[in-house]
Structures are given as structure tokens and as C-alpha cells.
Amino acid sequence: MCNDGSMTPAEQRILDAALRLYTAKGTTELTISELAAEANVARGTLYRYVDSMDELFDKVVANFSADLHQRVADSFESLDDPATRLSTGVRMWIRYAQEHPDMGRFAVRFGQTAESLRAVLTGPTMQDLENGFSTGRFPVDQALAPNVAALIIGTTISAMWMVLDGRQTWREAGSATAELLLRALGIDPAEARDISRIPLPDLHPD
């Protein structure tokens, strides 16, 4: 890394290459040779930035997490209503997948199976759910929170896949997914539809 904590161009190329390879192969097992070739760096450069191939996946997830939270979560910090926050977050994740397809495909491939990535995706969701349960906004048994979080992540990832596969636009998939989830959480159908169609804030800039 650079002295200010930011990544060097070579390090960013390595992480971007690893993300593409993980997604294309559908496995977290990569070799030094294929990673060096995909990143277009010398093996010596690779060894300088990658301490262990076993730790590389978590580095890619951390990079994904930093980008996701800076550019998506930070964009709606001013929203207070748990239902609006949840709907907005789901729709923005789906839009994010459209605008950043490599990261979107990575989330689709590993979002439900890799614990480190799953934790990234469920973090904001659990906060909004807990707030919604505690305030009575979501009239659902709070004991079901883990199941509801799994439903939200699975449904959102499925919507990302539909967008990346060209089956729906991100607007269609985002609003439909958010509306269904809010209704599942006990929000009145008409209100759920209205909330799921509130204009989205701009993504936080790169």
C-alpha cells in the first residue's frame, strides 16, 4: 500500500484480477501463475503484495466491502425510517451490480457461501432489521431476524443475477424485490409499493 493507506496501481490490479478469476472459476482456489498472468504483473510483484493465497480471498472481500460501503451505504446515511433504509439499500445494491458487473458477479457467486462476504452483505441489513423490530416498524417476531436476513440477502442476490443476466433492468428488479421484502416484513402493500419506488440518491462518487 501507499503511505496514505491507499492501494498502489499494482495492488489494485492484483485484487481486480483475483476477483475476476474467482468469479469465472467459481472457486476460491487460484494459482500464482494464473493470477500473475491475469493481473499482468511479474511473480515478484505478486509476492510483494500477496502474503498468502489463502488470505487473498478475504483481501478481495475487504476491497469489495470498502467500495460497497463507501459508495452505497454512505449515500443514504440521512434516512431514518428502517423500511425506507432497507428498501433503499436493497435497490442500491442491485444498481451497484449493474454499474459494477465484476463485483456484482462476485457477490452473486459467493454472497451466500463465503462467510466473509456474507458478513459484508448482512451487516447494514441486520442493523435496519433490529431497528425496525425494536420500534415496531416491522411487526414480525424478532426471533426470526436471522431468517429474515437470509431471505433479504438471497432475494437481493437473485435480483442481481437477473439484472446481470439481462432478464430485468435494475430499476424493475430493485423495486420489485424491495416491495416484496417490505410486504414480507408486515408493511402495508400500498406503502411498500410507494417506498420501493422512491427516487434513489446518487451513488457516492468513486
Protein backbone atom coordinates (compact mmCIF):
# COMPACT_ATOMS: atom_id res chain seq x y z
CA MET A 1 0.00 0.00 0.00
CA CYS A 2 0.92 3.66 -0.33
CA ASN A 3 1.91 5.66 2.73
CA ASP A 4 -1.59 7.16 2.99
CA GLY A 5 -3.17 3.69 3.17
CA SER A 6 -4.44 3.72 -0.39
CA MET A 7 -3.59 0.92 -2.79
CA THR A 8 -0.87 1.11 -5.40
CA PRO A 9 -1.97 0.53 -9.02
CA ALA A 10 -0.26 -2.86 -9.00
CA GLU A 11 -2.05 -3.97 -5.84
CA GLN A 12 -5.41 -2.85 -7.21
CA ARG A 13 -4.74 -4.77 -10.46
CA ILE A 14 -3.96 -7.89 -8.45
CA LEU A 15 -7.17 -7.68 -6.43
CA ASP A 16 -9.25 -6.90 -9.52
CA ALA A 17 -7.67 -9.86 -11.32
CA ALA A 18 -8.33 -12.17 -8.37
CA LEU A 19 -11.97 -11.07 -8.28
CA ARG A 20 -12.39 -11.86 -11.98
CA LEU A 21 -10.72 -15.26 -11.61
CA TYR A 22 -12.71 -16.25 -8.54
CA THR A 23 -15.93 -15.40 -10.35
CA ALA A 24 -15.00 -17.07 -13.62
CA LYS A 25 -13.76 -20.26 -11.96
CA GLY A 26 -16.42 -20.42 -9.27
CA THR A 27 -13.83 -21.39 -6.68
CA THR A 28 -11.53 -19.66 -4.23
CA GLU A 29 -8.57 -21.79 -5.35
CA LEU A 30 -6.15 -19.83 -7.54
CA THR A 31 -2.55 -20.40 -8.55
CA ILE A 32 0.24 -17.85 -8.50
CA SER A 33 0.82 -18.31 -12.23
CA GLU A 34 -2.76 -17.66 -13.34
CA LEU A 35 -3.10 -14.68 -11.01
CA ALA A 36 0.14 -13.11 -12.26
CA ALA A 37 -0.99 -13.61 -15.87
CA GLU A 38 -4.46 -12.16 -15.26
CA ALA A 39 -3.08 -9.16 -13.37
CA ASN A 40 -0.26 -8.69 -15.91
CA VAL A 41 2.36 -8.43 -13.18
CA ALA A 42 5.60 -10.29 -12.52
CA ARG A 43 5.57 -13.06 -9.93
CA GLY A 44 7.94 -10.98 -7.82
CA THR A 45 5.45 -8.14 -7.74
CA LEU A 46 2.73 -10.59 -6.77
CA TYR A 47 4.75 -11.90 -3.83
CA ARG A 48 5.29 -8.33 -2.66
CA TYR A 49 1.55 -7.72 -2.26
CA VAL A 50 0.13 -11.18 -1.55
CA ASP A 51 1.29 -12.72 1.70
CA SER A 52 -0.75 -15.88 1.25
CA MET A 53 -3.06 -17.17 -1.45
CA ASP A 54 -5.30 -18.43 1.37
CA GLU A 55 -5.72 -14.85 2.63
CA LEU A 56 -6.22 -13.35 -0.82
CA PHE A 57 -9.96 -14.01 -0.95
CA ASP A 58 -10.52 -12.05 2.27
CA LYS A 59 -8.45 -9.18 0.83
CA VAL A 60 -10.71 -9.12 -2.21
CA VAL A 61 -13.75 -9.14 0.07
CA ALA A 62 -12.29 -6.28 2.13
CA ASN A 63 -11.74 -4.29 -1.06
CA PHE A 64 -15.30 -5.05 -2.19
CA SER A 65 -16.60 -4.08 1.25
CA ALA A 66 -14.78 -0.75 1.30
CA ASP A 67 -16.14 0.18 -2.12
CA LEU A 68 -19.65 -1.07 -1.37
CA HIS A 69 -20.00 0.75 1.93
CA GLN A 70 -18.36 3.97 0.81
CA ARG A 71 -20.38 4.26 -2.37
CA VAL A 72 -23.69 2.67 -1.33
CA ALA A 73 -24.21 2.80 2.43
CA ASP A 74 -22.75 6.28 2.82
CA SER A 75 -25.18 7.58 0.19
CA PHE A 76 -28.26 7.23 2.42
CA GLU A 77 -26.96 7.88 5.92
CA SER A 78 -29.58 10.62 6.36
CA LEU A 79 -32.52 8.19 6.07
CA ASP A 80 -34.09 7.27 9.42
CA ASP A 81 -37.08 5.05 8.62
CA PRO A 82 -35.98 1.37 8.77
CA ALA A 83 -38.33 0.40 5.94
CA THR A 84 -37.04 3.14 3.65
CA ARG A 85 -33.43 2.35 4.56
CA LEU A 86 -33.92 -1.35 3.87
CA SER A 87 -35.66 -0.71 0.57
CA THR A 88 -33.07 1.84 -0.49
CA GLY A 89 -30.17 -0.43 0.44
CA VAL A 90 -31.56 -3.38 -1.50
CA ARG A 91 -32.23 -1.27 -4.59
CA MET A 92 -28.83 0.38 -4.45
CA TRP A 93 -27.03 -2.96 -4.14
CA ILE A 94 -28.88 -4.12 -7.24
CA ARG A 95 -27.99 -0.91 -9.08
CA TYR A 96 -24.40 -1.29 -7.89
CA ALA A 97 -24.27 -4.74 -9.52
CA GLN A 98 -25.44 -3.23 -12.80
CA GLU A 99 -22.86 -0.43 -12.70
CA HIS A 100 -20.02 -2.64 -11.40
CA PRO A 101 -20.66 -6.02 -13.06
CA ASP A 102 -17.39 -7.67 -11.97
CA MET A 103 -18.19 -7.02 -8.32
CA GLY A 104 -21.84 -7.86 -8.93
CA ARG A 105 -20.96 -11.28 -10.34
CA PHE A 106 -18.58 -11.85 -7.44
CA ALA A 107 -21.40 -11.13 -4.97
CA VAL A 108 -23.78 -13.42 -6.88
CA ARG A 109 -21.23 -16.25 -6.96
CA PHE A 110 -20.07 -16.12 -3.34
CA GLY A 111 -22.54 -13.96 -1.40
CA GLN A 112 -24.36 -16.88 0.21
CA THR A 113 -21.46 -19.30 0.64
CA ALA A 114 -18.39 -17.28 1.67
CA GLU A 115 -18.77 -16.21 5.30
CA SER A 116 -16.58 -13.11 4.99
CA LEU A 117 -18.60 -11.79 2.04
CA ARG A 118 -21.91 -12.77 3.61
CA ALA A 119 -20.96 -10.76 6.70
CA VAL A 120 -20.35 -7.71 4.49
CA LEU A 121 -23.76 -8.00 2.87
CA THR A 122 -25.72 -8.71 6.06
CA GLY A 123 -24.13 -6.01 8.26
CA PRO A 124 -26.30 -3.00 7.29
CA THR A 125 -29.32 -5.28 6.82
CA MET A 126 -29.19 -6.56 10.38
CA GLN A 127 -28.91 -3.02 11.77
CA ASP A 128 -32.01 -1.90 9.85
CA LEU A 129 -33.92 -5.05 10.85
CA GLU A 130 -33.07 -4.64 14.54
CA ASN A 131 -34.16 -1.01 14.42
CA GLY A 132 -37.38 -1.95 12.62
CA PHE A 133 -38.18 -4.70 15.13
CA SER A 134 -37.41 -2.58 18.20
CA THR A 135 -39.55 0.34 17.01
CA GLY A 136 -42.43 -1.84 15.84
CA ARG A 137 -41.98 -0.75 12.23
CA PHE A 138 -41.68 -4.40 11.23
CA PRO A 139 -44.47 -6.31 13.02
CA VAL A 140 -42.63 -9.64 12.79
CA ASP A 141 -41.29 -11.83 15.59
CA GLN A 142 -37.74 -10.61 16.27
CA ALA A 143 -36.64 -14.20 16.80
CA LEU A 144 -36.99 -14.58 13.03
CA ALA A 145 -34.35 -11.90 12.35
CA PRO A 146 -31.64 -14.33 11.12
CA ASN A 147 -34.13 -15.98 8.79
CA VAL A 148 -35.35 -12.65 7.50
CA ALA A 149 -31.76 -11.50 6.91
CA ALA A 150 -31.09 -14.68 4.93
CA LEU A 151 -34.26 -14.04 2.90
CA ILE A 152 -33.17 -10.48 2.14
CA ILE A 153 -29.66 -11.47 1.08
CA GLY A 154 -30.84 -14.40 -1.03
CA THR A 155 -33.54 -12.36 -2.75
CA THR A 156 -31.20 -9.45 -3.39
CA ILE A 157 -28.52 -11.71 -4.85
CA SER A 158 -31.12 -13.37 -7.08
CA ALA A 159 -32.21 -9.94 -8.31
CA MET A 160 -28.59 -9.02 -9.03
CA TRP A 161 -28.30 -12.17 -11.13
CA MET A 162 -31.44 -11.33 -13.10
CA VAL A 163 -30.05 -7.87 -13.88
CA LEU A 164 -26.60 -9.15 -14.84
CA ASP A 165 -28.21 -11.84 -17.00
CA GLY A 166 -30.30 -9.23 -18.80
CA ARG A 167 -33.65 -10.55 -17.57
CA GLN A 168 -34.71 -7.30 -15.88
CA THR A 169 -33.47 -3.75 -15.58
CA TRP A 170 -32.01 -2.77 -12.23
CA ARG A 171 -34.99 -0.48 -11.65
CA GLU A 172 -37.51 -3.28 -12.26
CA ALA A 173 -35.63 -5.83 -10.19
CA GLY A 174 -34.81 -3.38 -7.42
CA SER A 175 -38.31 -2.05 -6.88
CA ALA A 176 -39.99 -5.45 -7.16
CA THR A 177 -37.54 -7.03 -4.73
CA ALA A 178 -37.82 -4.20 -2.21
CA GLU A 179 -41.62 -4.23 -2.38
CA LEU A 180 -41.85 -7.98 -1.80
CA LEU A 181 -39.44 -7.84 1.13
CA LEU A 182 -41.27 -4.98 2.81
CA ARG A 183 -44.58 -6.81 2.45
CA ALA A 184 -42.97 -9.91 3.97
CA LEU A 185 -41.96 -7.72 6.93
CA GLY A 186 -45.55 -6.65 7.51
CA ILE A 187 -45.56 -3.29 5.73
CA ASP A 188 -48.91 -2.38 4.17
CA PRO A 189 -48.88 -3.37 0.47
CA ALA A 190 -49.67 0.13 -0.82
CA GLU A 191 -46.99 1.70 1.39
CA ALA A 192 -44.50 -0.99 0.44
CA ARG A 193 -45.07 -0.19 -3.21
CA ASP A 194 -44.64 3.54 -2.62
CA ILE A 195 -41.45 3.11 -0.60
CA SER A 196 -39.95 0.78 -3.18
CA ARG A 197 -40.33 3.46 -5.85
CA ILE A 198 -38.91 6.47 -4.01
CA PRO A 199 -36.19 8.03 -6.22
CA LEU A 200 -32.78 6.73 -5.21
CA PRO A 201 -29.97 9.01 -4.05
CA ASP A 202 -26.91 9.23 -6.22
CA LEU A 203 -24.18 6.71 -5.57
CA HIS A 204 -21.35 8.11 -3.51
CA PRO A 205 -18.64 9.07 -6.07
CA ASP A 206 -15.56 6.91 -6.66
